[in-house]
Amino acid sequence: IDKSKLEENIKIIKEKAKVPIIAVVKGNGYGFGMAEFTKILL
């Protein structure tokens, strides 16, 4: 998983939403590994 591209996606989503994001990390973090994925989102 390219962490820099993931962070770009987070930025795009924030700009699109303009409201707080509830990160859904079900399914082993949508397959990205729940623990590490959660830490990066945090």
PDB file of all heavy atoms in Angstrom:
ATOM      1  N   ILE A   1       0.853  -1.192   0.000  1.00  0.00           N
ATOM      2  CA  ILE A   1       0.000   0.000   0.000  1.00  0.00           C
ATOM      3  C   ILE A   1       0.882   1.233   0.000  1.00  0.00           C
ATOM      4  O   ILE A   1       1.777   1.366   0.850  1.00  0.00           O
ATOM      5  CB  ILE A   1      -0.916  -0.011   1.240  1.00  0.00           C
ATOM      6  CG1 ILE A   1      -1.841  -1.244   1.209  1.00  0.00           C
ATOM      7  CG2 ILE A   1      -1.743   1.273   1.322  1.00  0.00           C
ATOM      8  CD1 ILE A   1      -2.110  -1.836   2.554  1.00  0.00           C
ATOM      9  N   ASP A   2       0.658   2.112  -0.932  1.00  0.00           N
ATOM     10  CA  ASP A   2       1.424   3.357  -1.031  1.00  0.00           C
ATOM     11  C   ASP A   2       0.853   4.353  -0.028  1.00  0.00           C
ATOM     12  O   ASP A   2      -0.229   4.902  -0.230  1.00  0.00           O
ATOM     13  CB  ASP A   2       1.334   3.911  -2.455  1.00  0.00           C
ATOM     14  CG  ASP A   2       2.262   5.095  -2.697  1.00  0.00           C
ATOM     15  OD1 ASP A   2       2.404   5.935  -1.784  1.00  0.00           O
ATOM     16  OD2 ASP A   2       2.826   5.175  -3.800  1.00  0.00           O
ATOM     17  N   LYS A   3       1.592   4.613   1.043  1.00  0.00           N
ATOM     18  CA  LYS A   3       1.093   5.475   2.115  1.00  0.00           C
ATOM     19  C   LYS A   3       0.879   6.909   1.639  1.00  0.00           C
ATOM     20  O   LYS A   3      -0.107   7.556   2.023  1.00  0.00           O
ATOM     21  CB  LYS A   3       2.069   5.469   3.293  1.00  0.00           C
ATOM     22  CG  LYS A   3       1.590   6.289   4.480  1.00  0.00           C
ATOM     23  CD  LYS A   3       2.561   6.221   5.647  1.00  0.00           C
ATOM     24  CE  LYS A   3       2.092   7.100   6.801  1.00  0.00           C
ATOM     25  NZ  LYS A   3       3.051   7.065   7.940  1.00  0.00           N
ATOM     26  N   SER A   4       1.756   7.410   0.800  1.00  0.00           N
ATOM     27  CA  SER A   4       1.609   8.797   0.333  1.00  0.00           C
ATOM     28  C   SER A   4       0.348   8.965  -0.501  1.00  0.00           C
ATOM     29  O   SER A   4      -0.347   9.980  -0.399  1.00  0.00           O
ATOM     30  CB  SER A   4       2.841   9.224  -0.478  1.00  0.00           C
ATOM     31  OG  SER A   4       2.959   8.459  -1.672  1.00  0.00           O
ATOM     32  N   LYS A   5       0.006   7.942  -1.323  1.00  0.00           N
ATOM     33  CA  LYS A   5      -1.222   8.017  -2.115  1.00  0.00           C
ATOM     34  C   LYS A   5      -2.462   7.884  -1.232  1.00  0.00           C
ATOM     35  O   LYS A   5      -3.499   8.494  -1.505  1.00  0.00           O
ATOM     36  CB  LYS A   5      -1.210   6.950  -3.209  1.00  0.00           C
ATOM     37  CG  LYS A   5      -0.202   7.246  -4.318  1.00  0.00           C
ATOM     38  CD  LYS A   5      -0.299   6.240  -5.442  1.00  0.00           C
ATOM     39  CE  LYS A   5       0.671   6.590  -6.571  1.00  0.00           C
ATOM     40  NZ  LYS A   5       0.607   5.622  -7.694  1.00  0.00           N
ATOM     41  N   LEU A   6      -2.343   7.080  -0.179  1.00  0.00           N
ATOM     42  CA  LEU A   6      -3.444   6.979   0.781  1.00  0.00           C
ATOM     43  C   LEU A   6      -3.683   8.336   1.431  1.00  0.00           C
ATOM     44  O   LEU A   6      -4.842   8.776   1.568  1.00  0.00           O
ATOM     45  CB  LEU A   6      -3.124   5.935   1.843  1.00  0.00           C
ATOM     46  CG  LEU A   6      -4.088   5.845   3.029  1.00  0.00           C
ATOM     47  CD1 LEU A   6      -5.514   5.569   2.563  1.00  0.00           C
ATOM     48  CD2 LEU A   6      -3.628   4.762   4.002  1.00  0.00           C
ATOM     49  N   GLU A   7      -2.632   9.013   1.800  1.00  0.00           N
ATOM     50  CA  GLU A   7      -2.777  10.333   2.423  1.00  0.00           C
ATOM     51  C   GLU A   7      -3.342  11.351   1.444  1.00  0.00           C
ATOM     52  O   GLU A   7      -4.098  12.244   1.836  1.00  0.00           O
ATOM     53  CB  GLU A   7      -1.433  10.782   2.987  1.00  0.00           C
ATOM     54  CG  GLU A   7      -1.010   9.956   4.205  1.00  0.00           C
ATOM     55  CD  GLU A   7       0.345  10.314   4.760  1.00  0.00           C
ATOM     56  OE1 GLU A   7       1.195  10.828   3.979  1.00  0.00           O
ATOM     57  OE2 GLU A   7       0.573  10.110   5.970  1.00  0.00           O
ATOM     58  N   GLU A   8      -3.013  11.204   0.164  1.00  0.00           N
ATOM     59  CA  GLU A   8      -3.621  12.064  -0.862  1.00  0.00           C
ATOM     60  C   GLU A   8      -5.128  11.809  -0.927  1.00  0.00           C
ATOM     61  O   GLU A   8      -5.927  12.746  -1.041  1.00  0.00           O
ATOM     62  CB  GLU A   8      -2.995  11.797  -2.230  1.00  0.00           C
ATOM     63  CG  GLU A   8      -1.610  12.375  -2.415  1.00  0.00           C
ATOM     64  CD  GLU A   8      -1.046  12.060  -3.793  1.00  0.00           C
ATOM     65  OE1 GLU A   8      -1.834  11.628  -4.670  1.00  0.00           O
ATOM     66  OE2 GLU A   8       0.166  12.225  -3.984  1.00  0.00           O
ATOM     67  N   ASN A   9      -5.518  10.548  -0.860  1.00  0.00           N
ATOM     68  CA  ASN A   9      -6.945  10.209  -0.888  1.00  0.00           C
ATOM     69  C   ASN A   9      -7.673  10.795   0.312  1.00  0.00           C
ATOM     70  O   ASN A   9      -8.796  11.306   0.186  1.00  0.00           O
ATOM     71  CB  ASN A   9      -7.128   8.684  -0.902  1.00  0.00           C
ATOM     72  CG  ASN A   9      -6.878   8.086  -2.271  1.00  0.00           C
ATOM     73  OD1 ASN A   9      -6.627   8.796  -3.239  1.00  0.00           O
ATOM     74  ND2 ASN A   9      -6.935   6.763  -2.361  1.00  0.00           N
ATOM     75  N   ILE A  10      -7.048  10.720   1.481  1.00  0.00           N
ATOM     76  CA  ILE A  10      -7.656  11.299   2.681  1.00  0.00           C
ATOM     77  C   ILE A  10      -7.891  12.791   2.482  1.00  0.00           C
ATOM     78  O   ILE A  10      -8.971  13.316   2.822  1.00  0.00           O
ATOM     79  CB  ILE A  10      -6.762  11.060   3.913  1.00  0.00           C
ATOM     80  CG1 ILE A  10      -6.676   9.556   4.216  1.00  0.00           C
ATOM     81  CG2 ILE A  10      -7.311  11.800   5.132  1.00  0.00           C
ATOM     82  CD1 ILE A  10      -5.629   9.197   5.248  1.00  0.00           C
ATOM     83  N   LYS A  11      -6.928  13.471   1.906  1.00  0.00           N
ATOM     84  CA  LYS A  11      -7.051  14.911   1.658  1.00  0.00           C
ATOM     85  C   LYS A  11      -8.184  15.204   0.680  1.00  0.00           C
ATOM     86  O   LYS A  11      -8.996  16.118   0.890  1.00  0.00           O
ATOM     87  CB  LYS A  11      -5.729  15.462   1.114  1.00  0.00           C
ATOM     88  CG  LYS A  11      -5.734  16.959   0.887  1.00  0.00           C
ATOM     89  CD  LYS A  11      -4.383  17.450   0.370  1.00  0.00           C
ATOM     90  CE  LYS A  11      -4.404  18.949   0.114  1.00  0.00           C
ATOM     91  NZ  LYS A  11      -3.089  19.438  -0.407  1.00  0.00           N
ATOM     92  N   ILE A  12      -8.272  14.427  -0.399  1.00  0.00           N
ATOM     93  CA  ILE A  12      -9.339  14.615  -1.400  1.00  0.00           C
ATOM     94  C   ILE A  12     -10.708  14.415  -0.761  1.00  0.00           C
ATOM     95  O   ILE A  12     -11.653  15.176  -1.005  1.00  0.00           O
ATOM     96  CB  ILE A  12      -9.143  13.642  -2.577  1.00  0.00           C
ATOM     97  CG1 ILE A  12      -7.891  14.024  -3.379  1.00  0.00           C
ATOM     98  CG2 ILE A  12     -10.370  13.641  -3.490  1.00  0.00           C
ATOM     99  CD1 ILE A  12      -7.472  12.976  -4.399  1.00  0.00           C
ATOM    100  N   ILE A  13     -10.834  13.385   0.055  1.00  0.00           N
ATOM    101  CA  ILE A  13     -12.110  13.078   0.709  1.00  0.00           C
ATOM    102  C   ILE A  13     -12.509  14.205   1.656  1.00  0.00           C
ATOM    103  O   ILE A  13     -13.678  14.616   1.703  1.00  0.00           O
ATOM    104  CB  ILE A  13     -12.018  11.729   1.450  1.00  0.00           C
ATOM    105  CG1 ILE A  13     -11.878  10.595   0.431  1.00  0.00           C
ATOM    106  CG2 ILE A  13     -13.247  11.508   2.331  1.00  0.00           C
ATOM    107  CD1 ILE A  13     -11.399   9.292   1.037  1.00  0.00           C
ATOM    108  N   LYS A  14     -11.556  14.707   2.416  1.00  0.00           N
ATOM    109  CA  LYS A  14     -11.845  15.809   3.342  1.00  0.00           C
ATOM    110  C   LYS A  14     -12.351  17.036   2.593  1.00  0.00           C
ATOM    111  O   LYS A  14     -13.307  17.699   3.008  1.00  0.00           O
ATOM    112  CB  LYS A  14     -10.589  16.173   4.137  1.00  0.00           C
ATOM    113  CG  LYS A  14     -10.248  15.211   5.256  1.00  0.00           C
ATOM    114  CD  LYS A  14      -9.016  15.713   6.014  1.00  0.00           C
ATOM    115  CE  LYS A  14      -8.731  14.870   7.231  1.00  0.00           C
ATOM    116  NZ  LYS A  14      -7.557  15.372   7.974  1.00  0.00           N
ATOM    117  N   GLU A  15     -11.696  17.344   1.476  1.00  0.00           N
ATOM    118  CA  GLU A  15     -12.092  18.515   0.682  1.00  0.00           C
ATOM    119  C   GLU A  15     -13.477  18.325   0.084  1.00  0.00           C
ATOM    120  O   GLU A  15     -14.258  19.276  -0.036  1.00  0.00           O
ATOM    121  CB  GLU A  15     -11.058  18.768  -0.416  1.00  0.00           C
ATOM    122  CG  GLU A  15      -9.703  19.249   0.122  1.00  0.00           C
ATOM    123  CD  GLU A  15      -8.647  19.343  -0.959  1.00  0.00           C
ATOM    124  OE1 GLU A  15      -8.898  18.863  -2.094  1.00  0.00           O
ATOM    125  OE2 GLU A  15      -7.558  19.876  -0.679  1.00  0.00           O
ATOM    126  N   LYS A  16     -13.795  17.097  -0.304  1.00  0.00           N
ATOM    127  CA  LYS A  16     -15.102  16.804  -0.886  1.00  0.00           C
ATOM    128  C   LYS A  16     -16.199  16.840   0.171  1.00  0.00           C
ATOM    129  O   LYS A  16     -17.290  17.366  -0.063  1.00  0.00           O
ATOM    130  CB  LYS A  16     -15.062  15.418  -1.549  1.00  0.00           C
ATOM    131  CG  LYS A  16     -16.379  14.968  -2.178  1.00  0.00           C
ATOM    132  CD  LYS A  16     -16.694  15.729  -3.441  1.00  0.00           C
ATOM    133  CE  LYS A  16     -17.907  15.155  -4.133  1.00  0.00           C
ATOM    134  NZ  LYS A  16     -18.312  15.949  -5.317  1.00  0.00           N
ATOM    135  N   ALA A  17     -15.918  16.299   1.351  1.00  0.00           N
ATOM    136  CA  ALA A  17     -16.935  16.169   2.391  1.00  0.00           C
ATOM    137  C   ALA A  17     -17.256  17.485   3.085  1.00  0.00           C
ATOM    138  O   ALA A  17     -18.424  17.800   3.348  1.00  0.00           O
ATOM    139  CB  ALA A  17     -16.490  15.138   3.421  1.00  0.00           C
ATOM    140  N   LYS A  18     -16.216  18.217   3.459  1.00  0.00           N
ATOM    141  CA  LYS A  18     -16.368  19.499   4.176  1.00  0.00           C
ATOM    142  C   LYS A  18     -17.037  19.345   5.548  1.00  0.00           C
ATOM    143  O   LYS A  18     -17.480  20.320   6.139  1.00  0.00           O
ATOM    144  CB  LYS A  18     -17.137  20.514   3.335  1.00  0.00           C
ATOM    145  CG  LYS A  18     -16.441  20.908   2.034  1.00  0.00           C
ATOM    146  CD  LYS A  18     -17.235  21.947   1.275  1.00  0.00           C
ATOM    147  CE  LYS A  18     -16.492  22.441   0.049  1.00  0.00           C
ATOM    148  NZ  LYS A  18     -16.258  21.382  -0.954  1.00  0.00           N
ATOM    149  N   VAL A  19     -17.150  18.122   6.026  1.00  0.00           N
ATOM    150  CA  VAL A  19     -17.697  17.834   7.359  1.00  0.00           C
ATOM    151  C   VAL A  19     -16.832  16.723   7.955  1.00  0.00           C
ATOM    152  O   VAL A  19     -16.046  16.080   7.249  1.00  0.00           O
ATOM    153  CB  VAL A  19     -19.178  17.377   7.300  1.00  0.00           C
ATOM    154  CG1 VAL A  19     -20.077  18.506   6.789  1.00  0.00           C
ATOM    155  CG2 VAL A  19     -19.332  16.123   6.451  1.00  0.00           C
ATOM    156  N   PRO A  20     -16.954  16.464   9.269  1.00  0.00           N
ATOM    157  CA  PRO A  20     -16.162  15.394   9.878  1.00  0.00           C
ATOM    158  C   PRO A  20     -16.373  14.041   9.200  1.00  0.00           C
ATOM    159  O   PRO A  20     -17.464  13.727   8.724  1.00  0.00           O
ATOM    160  CB  PRO A  20     -16.658  15.380  11.327  1.00  0.00           C
ATOM    161  CG  PRO A  20     -17.117  16.784  11.579  1.00  0.00           C
ATOM    162  CD  PRO A  20     -17.727  17.226  10.281  1.00  0.00           C
ATOM    163  N   ILE A  21     -15.309  13.241   9.188  1.00  0.00           N
ATOM    164  CA  ILE A  21     -15.337  11.923   8.546  1.00  0.00           C
ATOM    165  C   ILE A  21     -15.385  10.827   9.607  1.00  0.00           C
ATOM    166  O   ILE A  21     -14.614  10.851  10.569  1.00  0.00           O
ATOM    167  CB  ILE A  21     -14.090  11.724   7.665  1.00  0.00           C
ATOM    168  CG1 ILE A  21     -14.140  12.691   6.472  1.00  0.00           C
ATOM    169  CG2 ILE A  21     -13.987  10.282   7.184  1.00  0.00           C
ATOM    170  CD1 ILE A  21     -12.858  12.745   5.679  1.00  0.00           C
ATOM    171  N   ILE A  22     -16.305   9.912   9.422  1.00  0.00           N
ATOM    172  CA  ILE A  22     -16.336   8.681  10.221  1.00  0.00           C
ATOM    173  C   ILE A  22     -15.644   7.619   9.373  1.00  0.00           C
ATOM    174  O   ILE A  22     -16.150   7.222   8.329  1.00  0.00           O
ATOM    175  CB  ILE A  22     -17.779   8.249  10.542  1.00  0.00           C
ATOM    176  CG1 ILE A  22     -18.498   9.343  11.338  1.00  0.00           C
ATOM    177  CG2 ILE A  22     -17.792   6.923  11.300  1.00  0.00           C
ATOM    178  CD1 ILE A  22     -20.003   9.122  11.464  1.00  0.00           C
ATOM    179  N   ALA A  23     -14.462   7.204   9.802  1.00  0.00           N
ATOM    180  CA  ALA A  23     -13.692   6.223   9.033  1.00  0.00           C
ATOM    181  C   ALA A  23     -14.187   4.820   9.342  1.00  0.00           C
ATOM    182  O   ALA A  23     -14.103   4.353  10.478  1.00  0.00           O
ATOM    183  CB  ALA A  23     -12.209   6.346   9.362  1.00  0.00           C
ATOM    184  N   VAL A  24     -14.697   4.142   8.324  1.00  0.00           N
ATOM    185  CA  VAL A  24     -15.184   2.775   8.490  1.00  0.00           C
ATOM    186  C   VAL A  24     -14.019   1.826   8.214  1.00  0.00           C
ATOM    187  O   VAL A  24     -13.499   1.787   7.099  1.00  0.00           O
ATOM    188  CB  VAL A  24     -16.357   2.486   7.542  1.00  0.00           C
ATOM    189  CG1 VAL A  24     -16.886   1.082   7.769  1.00  0.00           C
ATOM    190  CG2 VAL A  24     -17.470   3.518   7.737  1.00  0.00           C
ATOM    191  N   VAL A  25     -13.606   1.098   9.244  1.00  0.00           N
ATOM    192  CA  VAL A  25     -12.435   0.223   9.114  1.00  0.00           C
ATOM    193  C   VAL A  25     -12.821  -1.251   9.273  1.00  0.00           C
ATOM    194  O   VAL A  25     -12.008  -2.077   9.689  1.00  0.00           O
ATOM    195  CB  VAL A  25     -11.327   0.624  10.115  1.00  0.00           C
ATOM    196  CG1 VAL A  25     -10.757   1.978   9.747  1.00  0.00           C
ATOM    197  CG2 VAL A  25     -11.858   0.638  11.556  1.00  0.00           C
ATOM    198  N   LYS A  26     -14.047  -1.576   8.918  1.00  0.00           N
ATOM    199  CA  LYS A  26     -14.514  -2.971   8.957  1.00  0.00           C
ATOM    200  C   LYS A  26     -13.774  -3.788   7.906  1.00  0.00           C
ATOM    201  O   LYS A  26     -13.075  -3.238   7.043  1.00  0.00           O
ATOM    202  CB  LYS A  26     -16.020  -3.023   8.705  1.00  0.00           C
ATOM    203  CG  LYS A  26     -16.440  -2.561   7.307  1.00  0.00           C
ATOM    204  CD  LYS A  26     -17.938  -2.597   7.137  1.00  0.00           C
ATOM    205  CE  LYS A  26     -18.334  -2.135   5.722  1.00  0.00           C
ATOM    206  NZ  LYS A  26     -19.789  -2.168   5.525  1.00  0.00           N
ATOM    207  N   GLY A  27     -13.970  -5.113   7.955  1.00  0.00           N
ATOM    208  CA  GLY A  27     -13.353  -5.968   6.945  1.00  0.00           C
ATOM    209  C   GLY A  27     -11.845  -5.850   6.925  1.00  0.00           C
ATOM    210  O   GLY A  27     -11.241  -5.718   5.851  1.00  0.00           O
ATOM    211  N   ASN A  28     -11.240  -5.878   8.147  1.00  0.00           N
ATOM    212  CA  ASN A  28      -9.784  -5.729   8.253  1.00  0.00           C
ATOM    213  C   ASN A  28      -9.327  -4.434   7.597  1.00  0.00           C
ATOM    214  O   ASN A  28      -8.367  -4.408   6.826  1.00  0.00           O
ATOM    215  CB  ASN A  28      -9.061  -6.935   7.632  1.00  0.00           C
ATOM    216  CG  ASN A  28      -7.569  -6.970   7.969  1.00  0.00           C
ATOM    217  OD1 ASN A  28      -7.150  -6.477   9.016  1.00  0.00           O
ATOM    218  ND2 ASN A  28      -6.776  -7.539   7.082  1.00  0.00           N
ATOM    219  N   GLY A  29     -10.039  -3.355   7.924  1.00  0.00           N
ATOM    220  CA  GLY A  29      -9.681  -2.052   7.355  1.00  0.00           C
ATOM    221  C   GLY A  29      -9.836  -2.023   5.853  1.00  0.00           C
ATOM    222  O   GLY A  29      -8.973  -1.523   5.130  1.00  0.00           O
ATOM    223  N   TYR A  30     -10.985  -2.563   5.366  1.00  0.00           N
ATOM    224  CA  TYR A  30     -11.229  -2.689   3.921  1.00  0.00           C
ATOM    225  C   TYR A  30     -10.073  -3.399   3.225  1.00  0.00           C
ATOM    226  O   TYR A  30      -9.739  -3.126   2.070  1.00  0.00           O
ATOM    227  CB  TYR A  30     -11.502  -1.323   3.276  1.00  0.00           C
ATOM    228  CG  TYR A  30     -12.970  -0.984   3.286  1.00  0.00           C
ATOM    229  CD1 TYR A  30     -13.589  -0.500   4.447  1.00  0.00           C
ATOM    230  CD2 TYR A  30     -13.764  -1.171   2.175  1.00  0.00           C
ATOM    231  CE1 TYR A  30     -14.950  -0.225   4.484  1.00  0.00           C
ATOM    232  CE2 TYR A  30     -15.121  -0.893   2.191  1.00  0.00           C
ATOM    233  CZ  TYR A  30     -15.704  -0.427   3.348  1.00  0.00           C
ATOM    234  OH  TYR A  30     -17.048  -0.161   3.375  1.00  0.00           O
ATOM    235  N   GLY A  31      -9.451  -4.329   3.964  1.00  0.00           N
ATOM    236  CA  GLY A  31      -8.366  -5.121   3.403  1.00  0.00           C
ATOM    237  C   GLY A  31      -6.999  -4.493   3.558  1.00  0.00           C
ATOM    238  O   GLY A  31      -5.991  -5.084   3.168  1.00  0.00           O
ATOM    239  N   PHE A  32      -6.923  -3.302   4.150  1.00  0.00           N
ATOM    240  CA  PHE A  32      -5.638  -2.604   4.303  1.00  0.00           C
ATOM    241  C   PHE A  32      -4.940  -2.937   5.628  1.00  0.00           C
ATOM    242  O   PHE A  32      -3.872  -2.408   5.897  1.00  0.00           O
ATOM    243  CB  PHE A  32      -5.855  -1.085   4.205  1.00  0.00           C
ATOM    244  CG  PHE A  32      -5.806  -0.556   2.790  1.00  0.00           C
ATOM    245  CD1 PHE A  32      -5.964  -1.396   1.702  1.00  0.00           C
ATOM    246  CD2 PHE A  32      -5.616   0.790   2.548  1.00  0.00           C
ATOM    247  CE1 PHE A  32      -5.930  -0.909   0.401  1.00  0.00           C
ATOM    248  CE2 PHE A  32      -5.569   1.294   1.251  1.00  0.00           C
ATOM    249  CZ  PHE A  32      -5.720   0.442   0.173  1.00  0.00           C
ATOM    250  N   GLY A  33      -5.534  -3.805   6.434  1.00  0.00           N
ATOM    251  CA  GLY A  33      -4.969  -4.108   7.743  1.00  0.00           C
ATOM    252  C   GLY A  33      -5.498  -3.109   8.757  1.00  0.00           C
ATOM    253  O   GLY A  33      -5.053  -1.953   8.783  1.00  0.00           O
ATOM    254  N   MET A  34      -6.446  -3.525   9.581  1.00  0.00           N
ATOM    255  CA  MET A  34      -7.186  -2.571  10.409  1.00  0.00           C
ATOM    256  C   MET A  34      -6.301  -1.742  11.331  1.00  0.00           C
ATOM    257  O   MET A  34      -6.469  -0.522  11.439  1.00  0.00           O
ATOM    258  CB  MET A  34      -8.246  -3.304  11.239  1.00  0.00           C
ATOM    259  CG  MET A  34      -9.146  -2.358  12.037  1.00  0.00           C
ATOM    260  SD  MET A  34     -10.448  -3.216  12.952  1.00  0.00           S
ATOM    261  CE  MET A  34      -9.447  -4.074  14.181  1.00  0.00           C
ATOM    262  N   ALA A  35      -5.347  -2.368  11.996  1.00  0.00           N
ATOM    263  CA  ALA A  35      -4.543  -1.653  12.984  1.00  0.00           C
ATOM    264  C   ALA A  35      -3.696  -0.551  12.341  1.00  0.00           C
ATOM    265  O   ALA A  35      -3.762   0.618  12.742  1.00  0.00           O
ATOM    266  CB  ALA A  35      -3.654  -2.631  13.744  1.00  0.00           C
ATOM    267  N   GLU A  36      -2.907  -0.906  11.332  1.00  0.00           N
ATOM    268  CA  GLU A  36      -2.031   0.090  10.700  1.00  0.00           C
ATOM    269  C   GLU A  36      -2.842   1.140   9.949  1.00  0.00           C
ATOM    270  O   GLU A  36      -2.524   2.336   9.976  1.00  0.00           O
ATOM    271  CB  GLU A  36      -1.062  -0.606   9.742  1.00  0.00           C
ATOM    272  CG  GLU A  36       0.007   0.308   9.166  1.00  0.00           C
ATOM    273  CD  GLU A  36       0.935   0.892  10.217  1.00  0.00           C
ATOM    274  OE1 GLU A  36       1.113   0.267  11.277  1.00  0.00           O
ATOM    275  OE2 GLU A  36       1.472   1.996   9.968  1.00  0.00           O
ATOM    276  N   PHE A  37      -3.896   0.721   9.292  1.00  0.00           N
ATOM    277  CA  PHE A  37      -4.778   1.638   8.568  1.00  0.00           C
ATOM    278  C   PHE A  37      -5.373   2.674   9.523  1.00  0.00           C
ATOM    279  O   PHE A  37      -5.377   3.876   9.244  1.00  0.00           O
ATOM    280  CB  PHE A  37      -5.881   0.816   7.898  1.00  0.00           C
ATOM    281  CG  PHE A  37      -6.815   1.583   7.006  1.00  0.00           C
ATOM    282  CD1 PHE A  37      -6.362   2.573   6.170  1.00  0.00           C
ATOM    283  CD2 PHE A  37      -8.168   1.265   6.984  1.00  0.00           C
ATOM    284  CE1 PHE A  37      -7.235   3.265   5.334  1.00  0.00           C
ATOM    285  CE2 PHE A  37      -9.048   1.940   6.156  1.00  0.00           C
ATOM    286  CZ  PHE A  37      -8.582   2.944   5.333  1.00  0.00           C
ATOM    287  N   THR A  38      -5.840   2.212  10.673  1.00  0.00           N
ATOM    288  CA  THR A  38      -6.424   3.111  11.672  1.00  0.00           C
ATOM    289  C   THR A  38      -5.403   4.125  12.169  1.00  0.00           C
ATOM    290  O   THR A  38      -5.709   5.314  12.328  1.00  0.00           O
ATOM    291  CB  THR A  38      -6.975   2.290  12.860  1.00  0.00           C
ATOM    292  OG1 THR A  38      -8.046   1.467  12.390  1.00  0.00           O
ATOM    293  CG2 THR A  38      -7.492   3.203  13.966  1.00  0.00           C
ATOM    294  N   LYS A  39      -4.187   3.679  12.405  1.00  0.00           N
ATOM    295  CA  LYS A  39      -3.139   4.583  12.887  1.00  0.00           C
ATOM    296  C   LYS A  39      -2.853   5.701  11.882  1.00  0.00           C
ATOM    297  O   LYS A  39      -2.674   6.861  12.253  1.00  0.00           O
ATOM    298  CB  LYS A  39      -1.860   3.797  13.180  1.00  0.00           C
ATOM    299  CG  LYS A  39      -1.957   2.869  14.378  1.00  0.00           C
ATOM    300  CD  LYS A  39      -0.705   2.016  14.516  1.00  0.00           C
ATOM    301  CE  LYS A  39      -0.845   1.007  15.643  1.00  0.00           C
ATOM    302  NZ  LYS A  39       0.352   0.116  15.737  1.00  0.00           N
ATOM    303  N   ILE A  40      -2.839   5.348  10.598  1.00  0.00           N
ATOM    304  CA  ILE A  40      -2.579   6.361   9.563  1.00  0.00           C
ATOM    305  C   ILE A  40      -3.737   7.351   9.465  1.00  0.00           C
ATOM    306  O   ILE A  40      -3.522   8.565   9.341  1.00  0.00           O
ATOM    307  CB  ILE A  40      -2.323   5.667   8.211  1.00  0.00           C
ATOM    308  CG1 ILE A  40      -1.000   4.900   8.266  1.00  0.00           C
ATOM    309  CG2 ILE A  40      -2.295   6.689   7.067  1.00  0.00           C
ATOM    310  CD1 ILE A  40      -0.744   4.017   7.063  1.00  0.00           C
ATOM    311  N   LEU A  41      -4.957   6.854   9.535  1.00  0.00           N
ATOM    312  CA  LEU A  41      -6.117   7.748   9.510  1.00  0.00           C
ATOM    313  C   LEU A  41      -6.089   8.690  10.712  1.00  0.00           C
ATOM    314  O   LEU A  41      -6.379   9.887  10.594  1.00  0.00           O
ATOM    315  CB  LEU A  41      -7.409   6.930   9.509  1.00  0.00           C
ATOM    316  CG  LEU A  41      -7.669   6.077   8.263  1.00  0.00           C
ATOM    317  CD1 LEU A  41      -8.830   5.128   8.494  1.00  0.00           C
ATOM    318  CD2 LEU A  41      -7.940   6.958   7.041  1.00  0.00           C
ATOM    319  N   LEU A  42      -5.714   8.156  11.856  1.00  0.00           N
ATOM    320  CA  LEU A  42      -5.616   8.962  13.076  1.00  0.00           C
ATOM    321  C   LEU A  42      -4.552  10.046  12.929  1.00  0.00           C
ATOM    322  O   LEU A  42      -4.765  11.207  13.308  1.00  0.00           O
ATOM    323  CB  LEU A  42      -5.293   8.048  14.263  1.00  0.00           C
ATOM    324  CG  LEU A  42      -5.405   8.618  15.677  1.00  0.00           C
ATOM    325  CD1 LEU A  42      -6.829   9.092  15.957  1.00  0.00           C
ATOM    326  CD2 LEU A  42      -4.987   7.565  16.695  1.00  0.00           C
TER     327      LEU A  42
END
